[in-house]
Structures are given as structure tokens and as C-alpha cells.
N, C-alpha and C. Protein backbone atom coordinates (compact mmCIF):
# COMPACT_ATOMS: atom_id res chain seq x y z
N MET A 1 -59.20 5.04 52.43
CA MET A 1 -59.23 4.33 51.22
C MET A 1 -59.64 5.23 50.03
N SER A 2 -60.53 6.15 50.33
CA SER A 2 -61.00 7.15 49.34
C SER A 2 -59.80 8.04 48.90
N THR A 3 -58.94 8.44 49.85
CA THR A 3 -57.83 9.24 49.51
C THR A 3 -56.84 8.49 48.64
N LEU A 4 -56.64 7.29 48.90
CA LEU A 4 -55.74 6.51 48.09
C LEU A 4 -56.25 6.36 46.60
N LEU A 5 -57.53 6.11 46.48
CA LEU A 5 -58.15 6.04 45.14
C LEU A 5 -58.07 7.38 44.41
N THR A 6 -58.25 8.44 45.13
CA THR A 6 -58.17 9.79 44.57
C THR A 6 -56.73 10.02 44.03
N HIS A 7 -55.77 9.68 44.84
CA HIS A 7 -54.36 9.87 44.42
C HIS A 7 -53.95 8.97 43.29
N LEU A 8 -54.51 7.75 43.22
CA LEU A 8 -54.19 6.88 42.15
C LEU A 8 -54.83 7.40 40.84
N ARG A 9 -56.01 7.93 40.92
CA ARG A 9 -56.73 8.47 39.80
C ARG A 9 -55.91 9.70 39.28
N ALA A 10 -55.46 10.53 40.17
CA ALA A 10 -54.66 11.70 39.75
C ALA A 10 -53.37 11.26 39.09
N LEU A 11 -52.76 10.23 39.69
CA LEU A 11 -51.52 9.71 39.05
C LEU A 11 -51.79 9.18 37.67
N LEU A 12 -52.91 8.49 37.46
CA LEU A 12 -53.22 8.03 36.17
C LEU A 12 -53.48 9.18 35.16
N ASP A 13 -54.08 10.18 35.61
CA ASP A 13 -54.36 11.37 34.76
C ASP A 13 -53.06 12.04 34.37
N VAL A 14 -52.13 12.21 35.32
CA VAL A 14 -50.87 12.83 35.02
C VAL A 14 -50.02 11.92 34.07
N THR A 15 -50.07 10.62 34.20
CA THR A 15 -49.34 9.72 33.36
C THR A 15 -49.88 9.77 31.95
N LEU A 16 -51.23 9.81 31.75
CA LEU A 16 -51.80 9.87 30.44
C LEU A 16 -51.46 11.17 29.77
N ALA A 17 -51.51 12.27 30.55
CA ALA A 17 -51.17 13.56 29.93
C ALA A 17 -49.65 13.60 29.60
N ALA A 18 -48.83 13.03 30.41
CA ALA A 18 -47.42 12.99 30.03
C ALA A 18 -47.19 12.23 28.83
N LEU A 19 -47.83 11.10 28.65
CA LEU A 19 -47.70 10.28 27.39
C LEU A 19 -48.22 11.04 26.19
N ALA A 20 -49.36 11.72 26.34
CA ALA A 20 -49.92 12.46 25.24
C ALA A 20 -49.06 13.55 24.78
N LEU A 21 -48.59 14.36 25.78
CA LEU A 21 -47.79 15.53 25.45
C LEU A 21 -46.36 15.19 25.14
N GLY A 22 -45.87 14.18 25.84
CA GLY A 22 -44.42 13.79 25.64
C GLY A 22 -44.20 13.00 24.45
N ALA A 23 -45.22 12.38 23.84
CA ALA A 23 -45.01 11.58 22.60
C ALA A 23 -45.71 12.11 21.44
N ALA A 24 -46.92 12.54 21.63
CA ALA A 24 -47.80 12.87 20.47
C ALA A 24 -47.40 14.25 19.93
N VAL A 25 -47.15 15.23 20.71
CA VAL A 25 -46.80 16.58 20.27
C VAL A 25 -45.43 16.59 19.50
N PRO A 26 -44.39 15.92 20.00
CA PRO A 26 -43.15 15.90 19.17
C PRO A 26 -43.35 15.12 17.90
N MET A 27 -44.19 14.05 17.94
CA MET A 27 -44.48 13.30 16.74
C MET A 27 -45.20 14.15 15.64
N LEU A 28 -46.17 14.92 16.12
CA LEU A 28 -46.86 15.86 15.20
C LEU A 28 -45.86 16.89 14.64
N PHE A 29 -45.01 17.40 15.47
CA PHE A 29 -44.02 18.37 14.95
C PHE A 29 -43.12 17.69 13.93
N ALA A 30 -42.65 16.51 14.19
CA ALA A 30 -41.80 15.82 13.20
C ALA A 30 -42.56 15.57 11.96
N LEU A 31 -43.83 15.20 12.00
CA LEU A 31 -44.60 14.95 10.78
C LEU A 31 -44.79 16.30 10.01
N GLY A 32 -44.99 17.33 10.73
CA GLY A 32 -45.14 18.70 10.03
C GLY A 32 -43.85 19.08 9.33
N VAL A 33 -42.77 18.89 10.02
CA VAL A 33 -41.47 19.24 9.35
C VAL A 33 -41.20 18.27 8.15
N ARG A 34 -41.49 17.07 8.31
CA ARG A 34 -41.37 16.09 7.21
C ARG A 34 -42.22 16.45 5.99
N TRP A 35 -43.51 16.79 6.23
CA TRP A 35 -44.33 17.13 5.11
C TRP A 35 -43.96 18.45 4.48
N TRP A 36 -43.44 19.37 5.36
CA TRP A 36 -43.03 20.72 4.84
C TRP A 36 -41.80 20.51 3.94
N SER A 37 -40.89 19.60 4.32
CA SER A 37 -39.74 19.36 3.49
C SER A 37 -40.06 18.68 2.11
N GLY A 38 -41.17 17.98 2.09
CA GLY A 38 -41.59 17.34 0.81
C GLY A 38 -42.56 18.17 0.08
N ALA A 39 -42.74 19.42 0.42
CA ALA A 39 -43.71 20.32 -0.18
C ALA A 39 -43.33 20.74 -1.60
N GLU A 40 -42.07 20.64 -1.96
CA GLU A 40 -41.59 21.09 -3.29
C GLU A 40 -41.34 19.82 -4.17
N VAL A 41 -41.94 19.89 -5.33
CA VAL A 41 -41.75 18.76 -6.23
C VAL A 41 -41.14 19.27 -7.48
N THR A 42 -40.11 18.57 -7.96
CA THR A 42 -39.41 18.96 -9.21
C THR A 42 -39.91 18.12 -10.39
N ASP A 43 -40.45 18.78 -11.39
CA ASP A 43 -40.98 18.13 -12.54
C ASP A 43 -39.78 17.61 -13.47
N PRO A 44 -40.07 16.71 -14.40
CA PRO A 44 -38.95 16.23 -15.24
C PRO A 44 -38.28 17.36 -16.03
N ASP A 45 -38.98 18.40 -16.34
CA ASP A 45 -38.36 19.51 -17.13
C ASP A 45 -37.60 20.46 -16.25
N GLY A 46 -37.47 20.21 -14.95
CA GLY A 46 -36.74 21.04 -14.05
C GLY A 46 -37.46 22.15 -13.32
N THR A 47 -38.74 22.26 -13.60
CA THR A 47 -39.52 23.32 -12.84
C THR A 47 -39.87 22.80 -11.46
N VAL A 48 -39.87 23.68 -10.53
CA VAL A 48 -40.22 23.32 -9.12
C VAL A 48 -41.55 23.92 -8.82
N ARG A 49 -42.44 23.06 -8.22
CA ARG A 49 -43.80 23.49 -7.87
C ARG A 49 -44.08 23.03 -6.49
N ARG A 50 -45.05 23.71 -5.87
CA ARG A 50 -45.46 23.32 -4.47
C ARG A 50 -46.44 22.22 -4.53
N ASN A 51 -46.41 21.33 -3.58
CA ASN A 51 -47.41 20.29 -3.35
C ASN A 51 -48.40 20.84 -2.37
N PRO A 52 -49.62 21.27 -2.79
CA PRO A 52 -50.52 21.92 -1.78
C PRO A 52 -51.05 20.97 -0.73
N VAL A 53 -51.10 19.73 -1.00
CA VAL A 53 -51.56 18.72 0.03
C VAL A 53 -50.51 18.64 1.15
N ALA A 54 -49.26 18.57 0.77
CA ALA A 54 -48.17 18.46 1.76
C ALA A 54 -48.01 19.78 2.58
N VAL A 55 -48.23 20.88 1.97
CA VAL A 55 -48.19 22.19 2.68
C VAL A 55 -49.35 22.28 3.64
N ALA A 56 -50.55 21.86 3.22
CA ALA A 56 -51.74 21.93 4.09
C ALA A 56 -51.55 20.95 5.26
N ALA A 57 -51.08 19.71 5.04
CA ALA A 57 -50.85 18.79 6.11
C ALA A 57 -49.78 19.32 7.13
N ALA A 58 -48.72 19.91 6.57
CA ALA A 58 -47.65 20.45 7.44
C ALA A 58 -48.19 21.62 8.29
N CYS A 59 -48.95 22.54 7.69
CA CYS A 59 -49.48 23.66 8.39
C CYS A 59 -50.45 23.18 9.46
N PHE A 60 -51.25 22.16 9.15
CA PHE A 60 -52.23 21.64 10.17
C PHE A 60 -51.46 21.05 11.37
N CYS A 61 -50.40 20.23 11.15
CA CYS A 61 -49.67 19.67 12.19
C CYS A 61 -48.95 20.71 13.06
N LEU A 62 -48.36 21.66 12.41
CA LEU A 62 -47.69 22.77 13.15
C LEU A 62 -48.67 23.65 13.90
N LEU A 63 -49.88 23.87 13.38
CA LEU A 63 -50.87 24.64 14.04
C LEU A 63 -51.33 23.86 15.32
N ILE A 64 -51.48 22.61 15.28
CA ILE A 64 -51.86 21.84 16.49
C ILE A 64 -50.79 21.97 17.51
N VAL A 65 -49.49 21.88 17.12
CA VAL A 65 -48.36 21.96 18.06
C VAL A 65 -48.39 23.34 18.72
N VAL A 66 -48.48 24.39 17.95
CA VAL A 66 -48.48 25.75 18.48
C VAL A 66 -49.68 25.91 19.47
N THR A 67 -50.82 25.37 19.12
CA THR A 67 -52.01 25.47 19.98
C THR A 67 -51.77 24.80 21.29
N VAL A 68 -51.17 23.64 21.25
CA VAL A 68 -50.84 22.85 22.53
C VAL A 68 -49.89 23.58 23.34
N VAL A 69 -48.88 24.17 22.79
CA VAL A 69 -47.86 24.91 23.51
C VAL A 69 -48.49 26.19 24.14
N VAL A 70 -49.29 26.92 23.41
CA VAL A 70 -49.92 28.08 23.97
C VAL A 70 -50.91 27.69 25.13
N ALA A 71 -51.70 26.60 24.91
CA ALA A 71 -52.58 26.13 25.96
C ALA A 71 -51.80 25.70 27.16
N GLY A 72 -50.65 25.06 27.00
CA GLY A 72 -49.89 24.68 28.19
C GLY A 72 -49.33 25.85 28.93
N VAL A 73 -48.84 26.84 28.27
CA VAL A 73 -48.38 28.11 28.91
C VAL A 73 -49.47 28.77 29.70
N LEU A 74 -50.67 28.85 29.05
CA LEU A 74 -51.80 29.45 29.74
C LEU A 74 -52.25 28.66 30.95
N PHE A 75 -52.17 27.28 30.85
CA PHE A 75 -52.53 26.48 31.93
C PHE A 75 -51.61 26.65 33.17
N VAL A 76 -50.33 26.75 32.85
CA VAL A 76 -49.32 26.97 33.93
C VAL A 76 -49.53 28.32 34.57
N ALA A 77 -49.95 29.37 33.75
CA ALA A 77 -50.04 30.73 34.28
C ALA A 77 -51.49 31.07 34.69
N LYS A 78 -52.36 30.02 34.78
CA LYS A 78 -53.79 30.38 35.05
C LYS A 78 -54.03 30.99 36.42
N GLY A 79 -53.24 30.61 37.42
CA GLY A 79 -53.36 31.23 38.73
C GLY A 79 -52.94 32.65 38.73
N PHE A 80 -51.87 32.97 38.05
CA PHE A 80 -51.38 34.40 37.96
C PHE A 80 -52.36 35.24 37.18
N LEU A 81 -52.91 34.67 36.02
CA LEU A 81 -53.87 35.40 35.24
C LEU A 81 -55.13 35.65 36.03
N SER A 82 -55.55 34.69 36.82
CA SER A 82 -56.80 34.86 37.64
C SER A 82 -56.57 35.87 38.76
N ASP A 83 -55.44 35.76 39.47
CA ASP A 83 -55.22 36.70 40.63
C ASP A 83 -54.88 38.09 40.26
N ARG A 84 -54.03 38.27 39.22
CA ARG A 84 -53.50 39.54 38.93
C ARG A 84 -54.32 40.27 37.87
N LEU A 85 -54.79 39.54 36.92
CA LEU A 85 -55.50 40.24 35.75
C LEU A 85 -57.00 40.01 35.72
N GLY A 86 -57.48 39.06 36.46
CA GLY A 86 -58.94 38.77 36.46
C GLY A 86 -59.36 37.97 35.30
N ILE A 87 -58.44 37.29 34.66
CA ILE A 87 -58.78 36.42 33.48
C ILE A 87 -58.88 34.97 34.01
N HIS A 88 -60.02 34.42 33.88
CA HIS A 88 -60.30 33.06 34.41
C HIS A 88 -60.30 32.06 33.22
N LEU A 89 -59.28 31.19 33.25
CA LEU A 89 -59.22 30.15 32.27
C LEU A 89 -59.17 28.76 32.93
N PHE A 90 -59.62 27.79 32.19
CA PHE A 90 -59.56 26.36 32.64
C PHE A 90 -60.33 26.15 33.97
N GLY A 91 -61.38 26.84 34.17
CA GLY A 91 -62.18 26.64 35.37
C GLY A 91 -61.65 27.32 36.62
N GLU A 92 -60.71 28.15 36.46
CA GLU A 92 -60.16 28.91 37.62
C GLU A 92 -61.19 29.94 38.06
N SER A 93 -61.57 29.91 39.33
CA SER A 93 -62.60 30.86 39.78
C SER A 93 -61.95 31.94 40.70
């Protein structure tokens, strides 16, 4: 019974991670691109200026996406990094 509960808990963890990474990260990327596209505002006299709030929001969203992607690559390669290079990440001993 303990093994079944352990496997169900692991399945729940994988499902939640898949939902978070499969839905939240693309949504953040889309928001970043959307805010980046609205970063330029045209005044009535024809001058174009940057909207600093939109640029900051876009950079923040894209920074989170890049951080998640790099963390994912490092998580996948943690065994290799531990065995070959002696770099221990994510609790790898």
C-alpha cells in the first residue's frame, strides 16, 4: 500500500509540474511578447516614445521564461554534471 501511495504522490507531482510548465511558461512568454509589442507609443504630433512600464513588464516576463528554461536544462543534465564535472545541483550528491 505504501508503494501505491508513493507512486500516486509522484504522479501528482509530475502532473502539477507539467501543468505549471506546460501552461504558465508559454503564457508568460506570450505576455512578454505582447507587452514588448506595445512598448512604443505614438504621440498625436507623430513622435514615437517608449513606454517604460511595458518594457519593464516584458523584460520581467521574458527573464522568468529564460530562467525556467535554463533551470530545466540544468535539471535534466544534473546527473552528467555531478558525475563528470563534480557540480552538484538540485540535491544531487
